Amino acid sequence: IKGPLGELSMDVPAYVNINQDPALPGPTLTVEDATDKKQKSMWGTTRA
């Protein structure tokens, strides 16, 4: 992630997908299996 104040890197779990849609103001996150408890909890954590 690059910006005017610097550059940061972040590790994202393999089952979390980041989609950059030009119509939306920012990136959107999805997970492979929305019913899995671990994936669901990491979805919100990764977004934050």
ModelCIF file with pLDDT and N, C-alpha, C, O atoms, coordinates in Angstrom:
data_MODEL
#
_entry.id   MODEL 
#
_entity.id                         1 
_entity.type                       polymer 
_entity.pdbx_number_of_molecules   1 
#
_entity_poly.entity_id                      1 
_entity_poly.type                           'polypeptide(L)' 
_entity_poly.nstd_linkage                   no 
_entity_poly.nstd_monomer                   no 
_entity_poly.pdbx_seq_one_letter_code       IKGPLGELSMDVPAYVNINQDPALPGPTLTVEDATDKKQKSMWGTTRA 
_entity_poly.pdbx_seq_one_letter_code_can   IKGPLGELSMDVPAYVNINQDPALPGPTLTVEDATDKKQKSMWGTTRA 
_entity_poly.pdbx_strand_id                 A 
#
loop_
_entity_poly_seq.entity_id 
_entity_poly_seq.num 
_entity_poly_seq.mon_id 
_entity_poly_seq.hetero 
1 1  ILE n 
1 2  LYS n 
1 3  GLY n 
1 4  PRO n 
1 5  LEU n 
1 6  GLY n 
1 7  GLU n 
1 8  LEU n 
1 9  SER n 
1 10 MET n 
1 11 ASP n 
1 12 VAL n 
1 13 PRO n 
1 14 ALA n 
1 15 TYR n 
1 16 VAL n 
1 17 ASN n 
1 18 ILE n 
1 19 ASN n 
1 20 GLN n 
1 21 ASP n 
1 22 PRO n 
1 23 ALA n 
1 24 LEU n 
1 25 PRO n 
1 26 GLY n 
1 27 PRO n 
1 28 THR n 
1 29 LEU n 
1 30 THR n 
1 31 VAL n 
1 32 GLU n 
1 33 ASP n 
1 34 ALA n 
1 35 THR n 
1 36 ASP n 
1 37 LYS n 
1 38 LYS n 
1 39 GLN n 
1 40 LYS n 
1 41 SER n 
1 42 MET n 
1 43 TRP n 
1 44 GLY n 
1 45 THR n 
1 46 THR n 
1 47 ARG n 
1 48 ALA n 
#
_struct_asym.id          A 
_struct_asym.entity_id   1 
#
loop_
_ma_qa_metric.id 
_ma_qa_metric.mode 
_ma_qa_metric.name 
_ma_qa_metric.software_group_id 
_ma_qa_metric.type 
1 global pLDDT . pLDDT 
2 local  pLDDT . pLDDT 
#
_ma_qa_metric_global.metric_id      1 
_ma_qa_metric_global.metric_value   87.27 
_ma_qa_metric_global.model_id       1 
_ma_qa_metric_global.ordinal_id     1 
#
loop_
_ma_qa_metric_local.label_asym_id 
_ma_qa_metric_local.label_comp_id 
_ma_qa_metric_local.label_seq_id 
_ma_qa_metric_local.metric_id 
_ma_qa_metric_local.metric_value 
_ma_qa_metric_local.model_id 
_ma_qa_metric_local.ordinal_id 
A ILE 1  2 87.00 1 1  
A LYS 2  2 89.00 1 2  
A GLY 3  2 88.00 1 3  
A PRO 4  2 89.00 1 4  
A LEU 5  2 85.00 1 5  
A GLY 6  2 85.00 1 6  
A GLU 7  2 89.00 1 7  
A LEU 8  2 89.00 1 8  
A SER 9  2 89.00 1 9  
A MET 10 2 89.00 1 10 
A ASP 11 2 89.00 1 11 
A VAL 12 2 90.00 1 12 
A PRO 13 2 88.00 1 13 
A ALA 14 2 89.00 1 14 
A TYR 15 2 89.00 1 15 
A VAL 16 2 89.00 1 16 
A ASN 17 2 88.00 1 17 
A ILE 18 2 87.00 1 18 
A ASN 19 2 86.00 1 19 
A GLN 20 2 83.00 1 20 
A ASP 21 2 81.00 1 21 
A PRO 22 2 83.00 1 22 
A ALA 23 2 84.00 1 23 
A LEU 24 2 81.00 1 24 
A PRO 25 2 79.00 1 25 
A GLY 26 2 77.00 1 26 
A PRO 27 2 82.00 1 27 
A THR 28 2 86.00 1 28 
A LEU 29 2 86.00 1 29 
A THR 30 2 87.00 1 30 
A VAL 31 2 89.00 1 31 
A GLU 32 2 89.00 1 32 
A ASP 33 2 88.00 1 33 
A ALA 34 2 86.00 1 34 
A THR 35 2 88.00 1 35 
A ASP 36 2 89.00 1 36 
A LYS 37 2 89.00 1 37 
A LYS 38 2 90.00 1 38 
A GLN 39 2 89.00 1 39 
A LYS 40 2 88.00 1 40 
A SER 41 2 89.00 1 41 
A MET 42 2 90.00 1 42 
A TRP 43 2 89.00 1 43 
A GLY 44 2 89.00 1 44 
A THR 45 2 91.00 1 45 
A THR 46 2 91.00 1 46 
A ARG 47 2 90.00 1 47 
A ALA 48 2 92.00 1 48 
#
loop_
_atom_site.group_PDB 
_atom_site.id 
_atom_site.type_symbol 
_atom_site.label_atom_id 
_atom_site.label_alt_id 
_atom_site.label_comp_id 
_atom_site.label_asym_id 
_atom_site.label_entity_id 
_atom_site.label_seq_id 
_atom_site.pdbx_PDB_ins_code 
_atom_site.Cartn_x 
_atom_site.Cartn_y 
_atom_site.Cartn_z 
_atom_site.occupancy 
_atom_site.B_iso_or_equiv 
_atom_site.pdbx_formal_charge 
_atom_site.auth_seq_id 
_atom_site.auth_comp_id 
_atom_site.auth_asym_id 
_atom_site.auth_atom_id 
_atom_site.pdbx_PDB_model_num 
ATOM 1   N N  . ILE A 1 1  ? 0.863   -1.173  0.000   1.00 87.00 ? 1  ILE A N  1 
ATOM 2   C CA . ILE A 1 1  ? 0.000   0.000   0.000   1.00 87.00 ? 1  ILE A CA 1 
ATOM 3   C C  . ILE A 1 1  ? 0.901   1.225   0.000   1.00 87.00 ? 1  ILE A C  1 
ATOM 4   O O  . ILE A 1 1  ? 1.721   1.399   0.902   1.00 87.00 ? 1  ILE A O  1 
ATOM 5   N N  . LYS A 1 2  ? 0.747   2.082   -1.024  1.00 89.00 ? 2  LYS A N  1 
ATOM 6   C CA . LYS A 1 2  ? 1.587   3.270   -1.159  1.00 89.00 ? 2  LYS A CA 1 
ATOM 7   C C  . LYS A 1 2  ? 0.732   4.511   -1.012  1.00 89.00 ? 2  LYS A C  1 
ATOM 8   O O  . LYS A 1 2  ? -0.433  4.535   -1.408  1.00 89.00 ? 2  LYS A O  1 
ATOM 9   N N  . GLY A 1 3  ? 1.333   5.549   -0.431  1.00 88.00 ? 3  GLY A N  1 
ATOM 10  C CA . GLY A 1 3  ? 0.635   6.814   -0.259  1.00 88.00 ? 3  GLY A CA 1 
ATOM 11  C C  . GLY A 1 3  ? 1.622   7.936   -0.068  1.00 88.00 ? 3  GLY A C  1 
ATOM 12  O O  . GLY A 1 3  ? 2.831   7.706   -0.112  1.00 88.00 ? 3  GLY A O  1 
ATOM 13  N N  . PRO A 1 4  ? 1.139   9.152   0.144   1.00 89.00 ? 4  PRO A N  1 
ATOM 14  C CA . PRO A 1 4  ? 2.040   10.296  0.295   1.00 89.00 ? 4  PRO A CA 1 
ATOM 15  C C  . PRO A 1 4  ? 2.907   10.230  1.559   1.00 89.00 ? 4  PRO A C  1 
ATOM 16  O O  . PRO A 1 4  ? 3.976   10.838  1.605   1.00 89.00 ? 4  PRO A O  1 
ATOM 17  N N  . LEU A 1 5  ? 2.454   9.497   2.579   1.00 85.00 ? 5  LEU A N  1 
ATOM 18  C CA . LEU A 1 5  ? 3.226   9.412   3.821   1.00 85.00 ? 5  LEU A CA 1 
ATOM 19  C C  . LEU A 1 5  ? 4.129   8.191   3.893   1.00 85.00 ? 5  LEU A C  1 
ATOM 20  O O  . LEU A 1 5  ? 4.816   7.996   4.896   1.00 85.00 ? 5  LEU A O  1 
ATOM 21  N N  . GLY A 1 6  ? 4.143   7.370   2.860   1.00 85.00 ? 6  GLY A N  1 
ATOM 22  C CA . GLY A 1 6  ? 5.032   6.217   2.874   1.00 85.00 ? 6  GLY A CA 1 
ATOM 23  C C  . GLY A 1 6  ? 4.419   5.004   2.212   1.00 85.00 ? 6  GLY A C  1 
ATOM 24  O O  . GLY A 1 6  ? 3.466   5.089   1.438   1.00 85.00 ? 6  GLY A O  1 
ATOM 25  N N  . GLU A 1 7  ? 5.009   3.869   2.551   1.00 89.00 ? 7  GLU A N  1 
ATOM 26  C CA . GLU A 1 7  ? 4.581   2.606   1.966   1.00 89.00 ? 7  GLU A CA 1 
ATOM 27  C C  . GLU A 1 7  ? 4.517   1.562   3.069   1.00 89.00 ? 7  GLU A C  1 
ATOM 28  O O  . GLU A 1 7  ? 5.426   1.454   3.892   1.00 89.00 ? 7  GLU A O  1 
ATOM 29  N N  . LEU A 1 8  ? 3.437   0.799   3.076   1.00 89.00 ? 8  LEU A N  1 
ATOM 30  C CA . LEU A 1 8  ? 3.265   -0.273  4.054   1.00 89.00 ? 8  LEU A CA 1 
ATOM 31  C C  . LEU A 1 8  ? 2.943   -1.566  3.327   1.00 89.00 ? 8  LEU A C  1 
ATOM 32  O O  . LEU A 1 8  ? 2.336   -1.549  2.257   1.00 89.00 ? 8  LEU A O  1 
ATOM 33  N N  . SER A 1 9  ? 3.348   -2.681  3.904   1.00 89.00 ? 9  SER A N  1 
ATOM 34  C CA . SER A 1 9  ? 2.994   -3.980  3.349   1.00 89.00 ? 9  SER A CA 1 
ATOM 35  C C  . SER A 1 9  ? 2.194   -4.747  4.391   1.00 89.00 ? 9  SER A C  1 
ATOM 36  O O  . SER A 1 9  ? 2.344   -4.539  5.594   1.00 89.00 ? 9  SER A O  1 
ATOM 37  N N  . MET A 1 10 ? 1.344   -5.636  3.901   1.00 89.00 ? 10 MET A N  1 
ATOM 38  C CA . MET A 1 10 ? 0.444   -6.364  4.785   1.00 89.00 ? 10 MET A CA 1 
ATOM 39  C C  . MET A 1 10 ? 0.267   -7.779  4.258   1.00 89.00 ? 10 MET A C  1 
ATOM 40  O O  . MET A 1 10 ? 0.078   -7.979  3.058   1.00 89.00 ? 10 MET A O  1 
ATOM 41  N N  . ASP A 1 11 ? 0.326   -8.765  5.151   1.00 89.00 ? 11 ASP A N  1 
ATOM 42  C CA . ASP A 1 11 ? 0.086   -10.157 4.774   1.00 89.00 ? 11 ASP A CA 1 
ATOM 43  C C  . ASP A 1 11 ? -1.411  -10.435 4.821   1.00 89.00 ? 11 ASP A C  1 
ATOM 44  O O  . ASP A 1 11 ? -2.076  -10.135 5.813   1.00 89.00 ? 11 ASP A O  1 
ATOM 45  N N  . VAL A 1 12 ? -1.935  -11.007 3.745   1.00 90.00 ? 12 VAL A N  1 
ATOM 46  C CA . VAL A 1 12 ? -3.356  -11.321 3.640   1.00 90.00 ? 12 VAL A CA 1 
ATOM 47  C C  . VAL A 1 12 ? -3.491  -12.836 3.514   1.00 90.00 ? 12 VAL A C  1 
ATOM 48  O O  . VAL A 1 12 ? -2.773  -13.442 2.718   1.00 90.00 ? 12 VAL A O  1 
ATOM 49  N N  . PRO A 1 13 ? -4.401  -13.475 4.285   1.00 88.00 ? 13 PRO A N  1 
ATOM 50  C CA . PRO A 1 13 ? -4.592  -14.922 4.158   1.00 88.00 ? 13 PRO A CA 1 
ATOM 51  C C  . PRO A 1 13 ? -5.004  -15.299 2.731   1.00 88.00 ? 13 PRO A C  1 
ATOM 52  O O  . PRO A 1 13 ? -5.618  -14.499 2.024   1.00 88.00 ? 13 PRO A O  1 
ATOM 53  N N  . ALA A 1 14 ? -4.667  -16.504 2.321   1.00 89.00 ? 14 ALA A N  1 
ATOM 54  C CA . ALA A 1 14 ? -4.918  -16.959 0.945   1.00 89.00 ? 14 ALA A CA 1 
ATOM 55  C C  . ALA A 1 14 ? -6.406  -17.008 0.603   1.00 89.00 ? 14 ALA A C  1 
ATOM 56  O O  . ALA A 1 14 ? -6.776  -16.814 -0.555  1.00 89.00 ? 14 ALA A O  1 
ATOM 57  N N  . TYR A 1 15 ? -7.263  -17.264 1.590   1.00 89.00 ? 15 TYR A N  1 
ATOM 58  C CA . TYR A 1 15 ? -8.692  -17.390 1.319   1.00 89.00 ? 15 TYR A CA 1 
ATOM 59  C C  . TYR A 1 15 ? -9.424  -16.043 1.281   1.00 89.00 ? 15 TYR A C  1 
ATOM 60  O O  . TYR A 1 15 ? -10.624 -16.014 1.011   1.00 89.00 ? 15 TYR A O  1 
ATOM 61  N N  . VAL A 1 16 ? -8.724  -14.921 1.547   1.00 89.00 ? 16 VAL A N  1 
ATOM 62  C CA . VAL A 1 16 ? -9.330  -13.592 1.448   1.00 89.00 ? 16 VAL A CA 1 
ATOM 63  C C  . VAL A 1 16 ? -8.916  -12.976 0.119   1.00 89.00 ? 16 VAL A C  1 
ATOM 64  O O  . VAL A 1 16 ? -7.726  -12.870 -0.178  1.00 89.00 ? 16 VAL A O  1 
ATOM 65  N N  . ASN A 1 17 ? -9.903  -12.567 -0.682  1.00 88.00 ? 17 ASN A N  1 
ATOM 66  C CA . ASN A 1 17 ? -9.637  -11.971 -1.994  1.00 88.00 ? 17 ASN A CA 1 
ATOM 67  C C  . ASN A 1 17 ? -9.929  -10.479 -1.948  1.00 88.00 ? 17 ASN A C  1 
ATOM 68  O O  . ASN A 1 17 ? -10.952 -10.055 -1.410  1.00 88.00 ? 17 ASN A O  1 
ATOM 69  N N  . ILE A 1 18 ? -9.021  -9.681  -2.516  1.00 87.00 ? 18 ILE A N  1 
ATOM 70  C CA . ILE A 1 18 ? -9.202  -8.233  -2.591  1.00 87.00 ? 18 ILE A CA 1 
ATOM 71  C C  . ILE A 1 18 ? -9.566  -7.881  -4.029  1.00 87.00 ? 18 ILE A C  1 
ATOM 72  O O  . ILE A 1 18 ? -8.805  -8.164  -4.954  1.00 87.00 ? 18 ILE A O  1 
ATOM 73  N N  . ASN A 1 19 ? -10.737 -7.261  -4.216  1.00 86.00 ? 19 ASN A N  1 
ATOM 74  C CA . ASN A 1 19 ? -11.209 -6.882  -5.545  1.00 86.00 ? 19 ASN A CA 1 
ATOM 75  C C  . ASN A 1 19 ? -11.230 -5.367  -5.652  1.00 86.00 ? 19 ASN A C  1 
ATOM 76  O O  . ASN A 1 19 ? -11.805 -4.694  -4.797  1.00 86.00 ? 19 ASN A O  1 
ATOM 77  N N  . GLN A 1 20 ? -10.617 -4.829  -6.680  1.00 83.00 ? 20 GLN A N  1 
ATOM 78  C CA . GLN A 1 20 ? -10.601 -3.389  -6.910  1.00 83.00 ? 20 GLN A CA 1 
ATOM 79  C C  . GLN A 1 20 ? -11.568 -3.077  -8.049  1.00 83.00 ? 20 GLN A C  1 
ATOM 80  O O  . GLN A 1 20 ? -11.228 -3.243  -9.221  1.00 83.00 ? 20 GLN A O  1 
ATOM 81  N N  . ASP A 1 21 ? -12.763 -2.629  -7.708  1.00 81.00 ? 21 ASP A N  1 
ATOM 82  C CA . ASP A 1 21 ? -13.773 -2.278  -8.700  1.00 81.00 ? 21 ASP A CA 1 
ATOM 83  C C  . ASP A 1 21 ? -13.705 -0.773  -8.943  1.00 81.00 ? 21 ASP A C  1 
ATOM 84  O O  . ASP A 1 21 ? -13.838 0.001   -7.995  1.00 81.00 ? 21 ASP A O  1 
ATOM 85  N N  . PRO A 1 22 ? -13.499 -0.331  -10.203 1.00 83.00 ? 22 PRO A N  1 
ATOM 86  C CA . PRO A 1 22 ? -13.400 1.114   -10.466 1.00 83.00 ? 22 PRO A CA 1 
ATOM 87  C C  . PRO A 1 22 ? -14.675 1.882   -10.147 1.00 83.00 ? 22 PRO A C  1 
ATOM 88  O O  . PRO A 1 22 ? -14.613 3.087   -9.904  1.00 83.00 ? 22 PRO A O  1 
ATOM 89  N N  . ALA A 1 23 ? -15.821 1.225   -10.139 1.00 84.00 ? 23 ALA A N  1 
ATOM 90  C CA . ALA A 1 23 ? -17.080 1.905   -9.845  1.00 84.00 ? 23 ALA A CA 1 
ATOM 91  C C  . ALA A 1 23 ? -17.215 2.219   -8.352  1.00 84.00 ? 23 ALA A C  1 
ATOM 92  O O  . ALA A 1 23 ? -17.912 3.163   -7.980  1.00 84.00 ? 23 ALA A O  1 
ATOM 93  N N  . LEU A 1 24 ? -16.555 1.436   -7.499  1.00 81.00 ? 24 LEU A N  1 
ATOM 94  C CA . LEU A 1 24 ? -16.640 1.635   -6.048  1.00 81.00 ? 24 LEU A CA 1 
ATOM 95  C C  . LEU A 1 24 ? -15.482 2.513   -5.575  1.00 81.00 ? 24 LEU A C  1 
ATOM 96  O O  . LEU A 1 24 ? -14.435 2.549   -6.221  1.00 81.00 ? 24 LEU A O  1 
ATOM 97  N N  . PRO A 1 25 ? -15.656 3.223   -4.450  1.00 79.00 ? 25 PRO A N  1 
ATOM 98  C CA . PRO A 1 25 ? -14.605 4.138   -3.986  1.00 79.00 ? 25 PRO A CA 1 
ATOM 99  C C  . PRO A 1 25 ? -13.343 3.436   -3.471  1.00 79.00 ? 25 PRO A C  1 
ATOM 100 O O  . PRO A 1 25 ? -12.267 4.033   -3.504  1.00 79.00 ? 25 PRO A O  1 
ATOM 101 N N  . GLY A 1 26 ? -13.438 2.214   -3.006  1.00 77.00 ? 26 GLY A N  1 
ATOM 102 C CA . GLY A 1 26 ? -12.277 1.518   -2.467  1.00 77.00 ? 26 GLY A CA 1 
ATOM 103 C C  . GLY A 1 26 ? -12.314 0.042   -2.770  1.00 77.00 ? 26 GLY A C  1 
ATOM 104 O O  . GLY A 1 26 ? -13.229 -0.424  -3.449  1.00 77.00 ? 26 GLY A O  1 
ATOM 105 N N  . PRO A 1 27 ? -11.343 -0.707  -2.283  1.00 82.00 ? 27 PRO A N  1 
ATOM 106 C CA . PRO A 1 27 ? -11.323 -2.145  -2.524  1.00 82.00 ? 27 PRO A CA 1 
ATOM 107 C C  . PRO A 1 27 ? -12.408 -2.867  -1.722  1.00 82.00 ? 27 PRO A C  1 
ATOM 108 O O  . PRO A 1 27 ? -12.827 -2.403  -0.662  1.00 82.00 ? 27 PRO A O  1 
ATOM 109 N N  . THR A 1 28 ? -12.854 -4.014  -2.250  1.00 86.00 ? 28 THR A N  1 
ATOM 110 C CA . THR A 1 28 ? -13.812 -4.847  -1.529  1.00 86.00 ? 28 THR A CA 1 
ATOM 111 C C  . THR A 1 28 ? -13.157 -6.197  -1.244  1.00 86.00 ? 28 THR A C  1 
ATOM 112 O O  . THR A 1 28 ? -12.338 -6.683  -2.025  1.00 86.00 ? 28 THR A O  1 
ATOM 113 N N  . LEU A 1 29 ? -13.530 -6.789  -0.120  1.00 86.00 ? 29 LEU A N  1 
ATOM 114 C CA . LEU A 1 29 ? -12.956 -8.070  0.294   1.00 86.00 ? 29 LEU A CA 1 
ATOM 115 C C  . LEU A 1 29 ? -14.013 -9.153  0.232   1.00 86.00 ? 29 LEU A C  1 
ATOM 116 O O  . LEU A 1 29 ? -15.172 -8.922  0.576   1.00 86.00 ? 29 LEU A O  1 
ATOM 117 N N  . THR A 1 30 ? -13.615 -10.333 -0.205  1.00 87.00 ? 30 THR A N  1 
ATOM 118 C CA . THR A 1 30 ? -14.481 -11.505 -0.191  1.00 87.00 ? 30 THR A CA 1 
ATOM 119 C C  . THR A 1 30 ? -13.672 -12.687 0.323   1.00 87.00 ? 30 THR A C  1 
ATOM 120 O O  . THR A 1 30 ? -12.441 -12.677 0.290   1.00 87.00 ? 30 THR A O  1 
ATOM 121 N N  . VAL A 1 31 ? -14.382 -13.707 0.799   1.00 89.00 ? 31 VAL A N  1 
ATOM 122 C CA . VAL A 1 31 ? -13.725 -14.931 1.244   1.00 89.00 ? 31 VAL A CA 1 
ATOM 123 C C  . VAL A 1 31 ? -14.247 -16.089 0.404   1.00 89.00 ? 31 VAL A C  1 
ATOM 124 O O  . VAL A 1 31 ? -15.307 -15.989 -0.215  1.00 89.00 ? 31 VAL A O  1 
ATOM 125 N N  . GLU A 1 32 ? -13.493 -17.196 0.386   1.00 89.00 ? 32 GLU A N  1 
ATOM 126 C CA . GLU A 1 32 ? -13.877 -18.353 -0.421  1.00 89.00 ? 32 GLU A CA 1 
ATOM 127 C C  . GLU A 1 32 ? -15.121 -19.041 0.124   1.00 89.00 ? 32 GLU A C  1 
ATOM 128 O O  . GLU A 1 32 ? -16.020 -19.399 -0.638  1.00 89.00 ? 32 GLU A O  1 
ATOM 129 N N  . ASP A 1 33 ? -15.177 -19.231 1.471   1.00 88.00 ? 33 ASP A N  1 
ATOM 130 C CA . ASP A 1 33 ? -16.321 -19.912 2.086   1.00 88.00 ? 33 ASP A CA 1 
ATOM 131 C C  . ASP A 1 33 ? -16.868 -19.028 3.206   1.00 88.00 ? 33 ASP A C  1 
ATOM 132 O O  . ASP A 1 33 ? -16.280 -18.961 4.285   1.00 88.00 ? 33 ASP A O  1 
ATOM 133 N N  . ALA A 1 34 ? -17.973 -18.359 2.959   1.00 86.00 ? 34 ALA A N  1 
ATOM 134 C CA . ALA A 1 34 ? -18.544 -17.422 3.932   1.00 86.00 ? 34 ALA A CA 1 
ATOM 135 C C  . ALA A 1 34 ? -19.176 -18.122 5.127   1.00 86.00 ? 34 ALA A C  1 
ATOM 136 O O  . ALA A 1 34 ? -19.543 -17.455 6.095   1.00 86.00 ? 34 ALA A O  1 
ATOM 137 N N  . THR A 1 35 ? -19.318 -19.464 5.091   1.00 88.00 ? 35 THR A N  1 
ATOM 138 C CA . THR A 1 35 ? -19.905 -20.181 6.225   1.00 88.00 ? 35 THR A CA 1 
ATOM 139 C C  . THR A 1 35 ? -18.846 -20.672 7.208   1.00 88.00 ? 35 THR A C  1 
ATOM 140 O O  . THR A 1 35 ? -19.177 -21.037 8.336   1.00 88.00 ? 35 THR A O  1 
ATOM 141 N N  . ASP A 1 36 ? -17.584 -20.686 6.798   1.00 89.00 ? 36 ASP A N  1 
ATOM 142 C CA . ASP A 1 36 ? -16.495 -21.124 7.675   1.00 89.00 ? 36 ASP A CA 1 
ATOM 143 C C  . ASP A 1 36 ? -16.233 -20.042 8.728   1.00 89.00 ? 36 ASP A C  1 
ATOM 144 O O  . ASP A 1 36 ? -16.044 -18.874 8.388   1.00 89.00 ? 36 ASP A O  1 
ATOM 145 N N  . LYS A 1 37 ? -16.222 -20.435 10.009  1.00 89.00 ? 37 LYS A N  1 
ATOM 146 C CA . LYS A 1 37 ? -16.105 -19.484 11.111  1.00 89.00 ? 37 LYS A CA 1 
ATOM 147 C C  . LYS A 1 37 ? -14.774 -18.722 11.073  1.00 89.00 ? 37 LYS A C  1 
ATOM 148 O O  . LYS A 1 37 ? -14.759 -17.508 11.276  1.00 89.00 ? 37 LYS A O  1 
ATOM 149 N N  . LYS A 1 38 ? -13.666 -19.412 10.817  1.00 90.00 ? 38 LYS A N  1 
ATOM 150 C CA . LYS A 1 38 ? -12.352 -18.765 10.789  1.00 90.00 ? 38 LYS A CA 1 
ATOM 151 C C  . LYS A 1 38 ? -12.250 -17.765 9.636   1.00 90.00 ? 38 LYS A C  1 
ATOM 152 O O  . LYS A 1 38 ? -11.740 -16.658 9.807   1.00 90.00 ? 38 LYS A O  1 
ATOM 153 N N  . GLN A 1 39 ? -12.739 -18.168 8.460   1.00 89.00 ? 39 GLN A N  1 
ATOM 154 C CA . GLN A 1 39 ? -12.685 -17.274 7.305   1.00 89.00 ? 39 GLN A CA 1 
ATOM 155 C C  . GLN A 1 39 ? -13.568 -16.044 7.530   1.00 89.00 ? 39 GLN A C  1 
ATOM 156 O O  . GLN A 1 39 ? -13.204 -14.932 7.149   1.00 89.00 ? 39 GLN A O  1 
ATOM 157 N N  . LYS A 1 40 ? -14.719 -16.253 8.145   1.00 88.00 ? 40 LYS A N  1 
ATOM 158 C CA . LYS A 1 40 ? -15.627 -15.142 8.419   1.00 88.00 ? 40 LYS A CA 1 
ATOM 159 C C  . LYS A 1 40 ? -15.004 -14.136 9.387   1.00 88.00 ? 40 LYS A C  1 
ATOM 160 O O  . LYS A 1 40 ? -15.131 -12.926 9.197   1.00 88.00 ? 40 LYS A O  1 
ATOM 161 N N  . SER A 1 41 ? -14.331 -14.640 10.426  1.00 89.00 ? 41 SER A N  1 
ATOM 162 C CA . SER A 1 41 ? -13.721 -13.744 11.406  1.00 89.00 ? 41 SER A CA 1 
ATOM 163 C C  . SER A 1 41 ? -12.516 -13.009 10.811  1.00 89.00 ? 41 SER A C  1 
ATOM 164 O O  . SER A 1 41 ? -12.294 -11.835 11.110  1.00 89.00 ? 41 SER A O  1 
ATOM 165 N N  . MET A 1 42 ? -11.744 -13.692 9.976   1.00 90.00 ? 42 MET A N  1 
ATOM 166 C CA . MET A 1 42 ? -10.581 -13.049 9.356   1.00 90.00 ? 42 MET A CA 1 
ATOM 167 C C  . MET A 1 42 ? -10.998 -12.056 8.266   1.00 90.00 ? 42 MET A C  1 
ATOM 168 O O  . MET A 1 42 ? -10.230 -11.156 7.928   1.00 90.00 ? 42 MET A O  1 
ATOM 169 N N  . TRP A 1 43 ? -12.179 -12.206 7.726   1.00 89.00 ? 43 TRP A N  1 
ATOM 170 C CA . TRP A 1 43 ? -12.711 -11.300 6.726   1.00 89.00 ? 43 TRP A CA 1 
ATOM 171 C C  . TRP A 1 43 ? -12.778 -9.881  7.294   1.00 89.00 ? 43 TRP A C  1 
ATOM 172 O O  . TRP A 1 43 ? -12.241 -8.943  6.704   1.00 89.00 ? 43 TRP A O  1 
ATOM 173 N N  . GLY A 1 44 ? -13.436 -9.731  8.434   1.00 89.00 ? 44 GLY A N  1 
ATOM 174 C CA . GLY A 1 44 ? -13.562 -8.416  9.072   1.00 89.00 ? 44 GLY A CA 1 
ATOM 175 C C  . GLY A 1 44 ? -12.244 -7.896  9.604   1.00 89.00 ? 44 GLY A C  1 
ATOM 176 O O  . GLY A 1 44 ? -11.958 -6.702  9.510   1.00 89.00 ? 44 GLY A O  1 
ATOM 177 N N  . THR A 1 45 ? -11.433 -8.795  10.167  1.00 91.00 ? 45 THR A N  1 
ATOM 178 C CA . THR A 1 45 ? -10.136 -8.381  10.703  1.00 91.00 ? 45 THR A CA 1 
ATOM 179 C C  . THR A 1 45 ? -9.232  -7.862  9.607   1.00 91.00 ? 45 THR A C  1 
ATOM 180 O O  . THR A 1 45 ? -8.584  -6.828  9.769   1.00 91.00 ? 45 THR A O  1 
ATOM 181 N N  . THR A 1 46 ? -9.182  -8.572  8.493   1.00 91.00 ? 46 THR A N  1 
ATOM 182 C CA . THR A 1 46 ? -8.348  -8.156  7.366   1.00 91.00 ? 46 THR A CA 1 
ATOM 183 C C  . THR A 1 46 ? -8.838  -6.827  6.803   1.00 91.00 ? 46 THR A C  1 
ATOM 184 O O  . THR A 1 46 ? -8.034  -5.971  6.435   1.00 91.00 ? 46 THR A O  1 
ATOM 185 N N  . ARG A 1 47 ? -10.169 -6.654  6.735   1.00 90.00 ? 47 ARG A N  1 
ATOM 186 C CA . ARG A 1 47 ? -10.731 -5.401  6.247   1.00 90.00 ? 47 ARG A CA 1 
ATOM 187 C C  . ARG A 1 47 ? -10.324 -4.230  7.141   1.00 90.00 ? 47 ARG A C  1 
ATOM 188 O O  . ARG A 1 47 ? -9.979  -3.159  6.642   1.00 90.00 ? 47 ARG A O  1 
ATOM 189 N N  . ALA A 1 48 ? -10.364 -4.431  8.467   1.00 92.00 ? 48 ALA A N  1 
ATOM 190 C CA . ALA A 1 48 ? -9.996  -3.378  9.411   1.00 92.00 ? 48 ALA A CA 1 
ATOM 191 C C  . ALA A 1 48 ? -8.507  -3.040  9.299   1.00 92.00 ? 48 ALA A C  1 
ATOM 192 O O  . ALA A 1 48 ? -8.015  -2.172  10.020  1.00 92.00 ? 48 ALA A O  1 
#
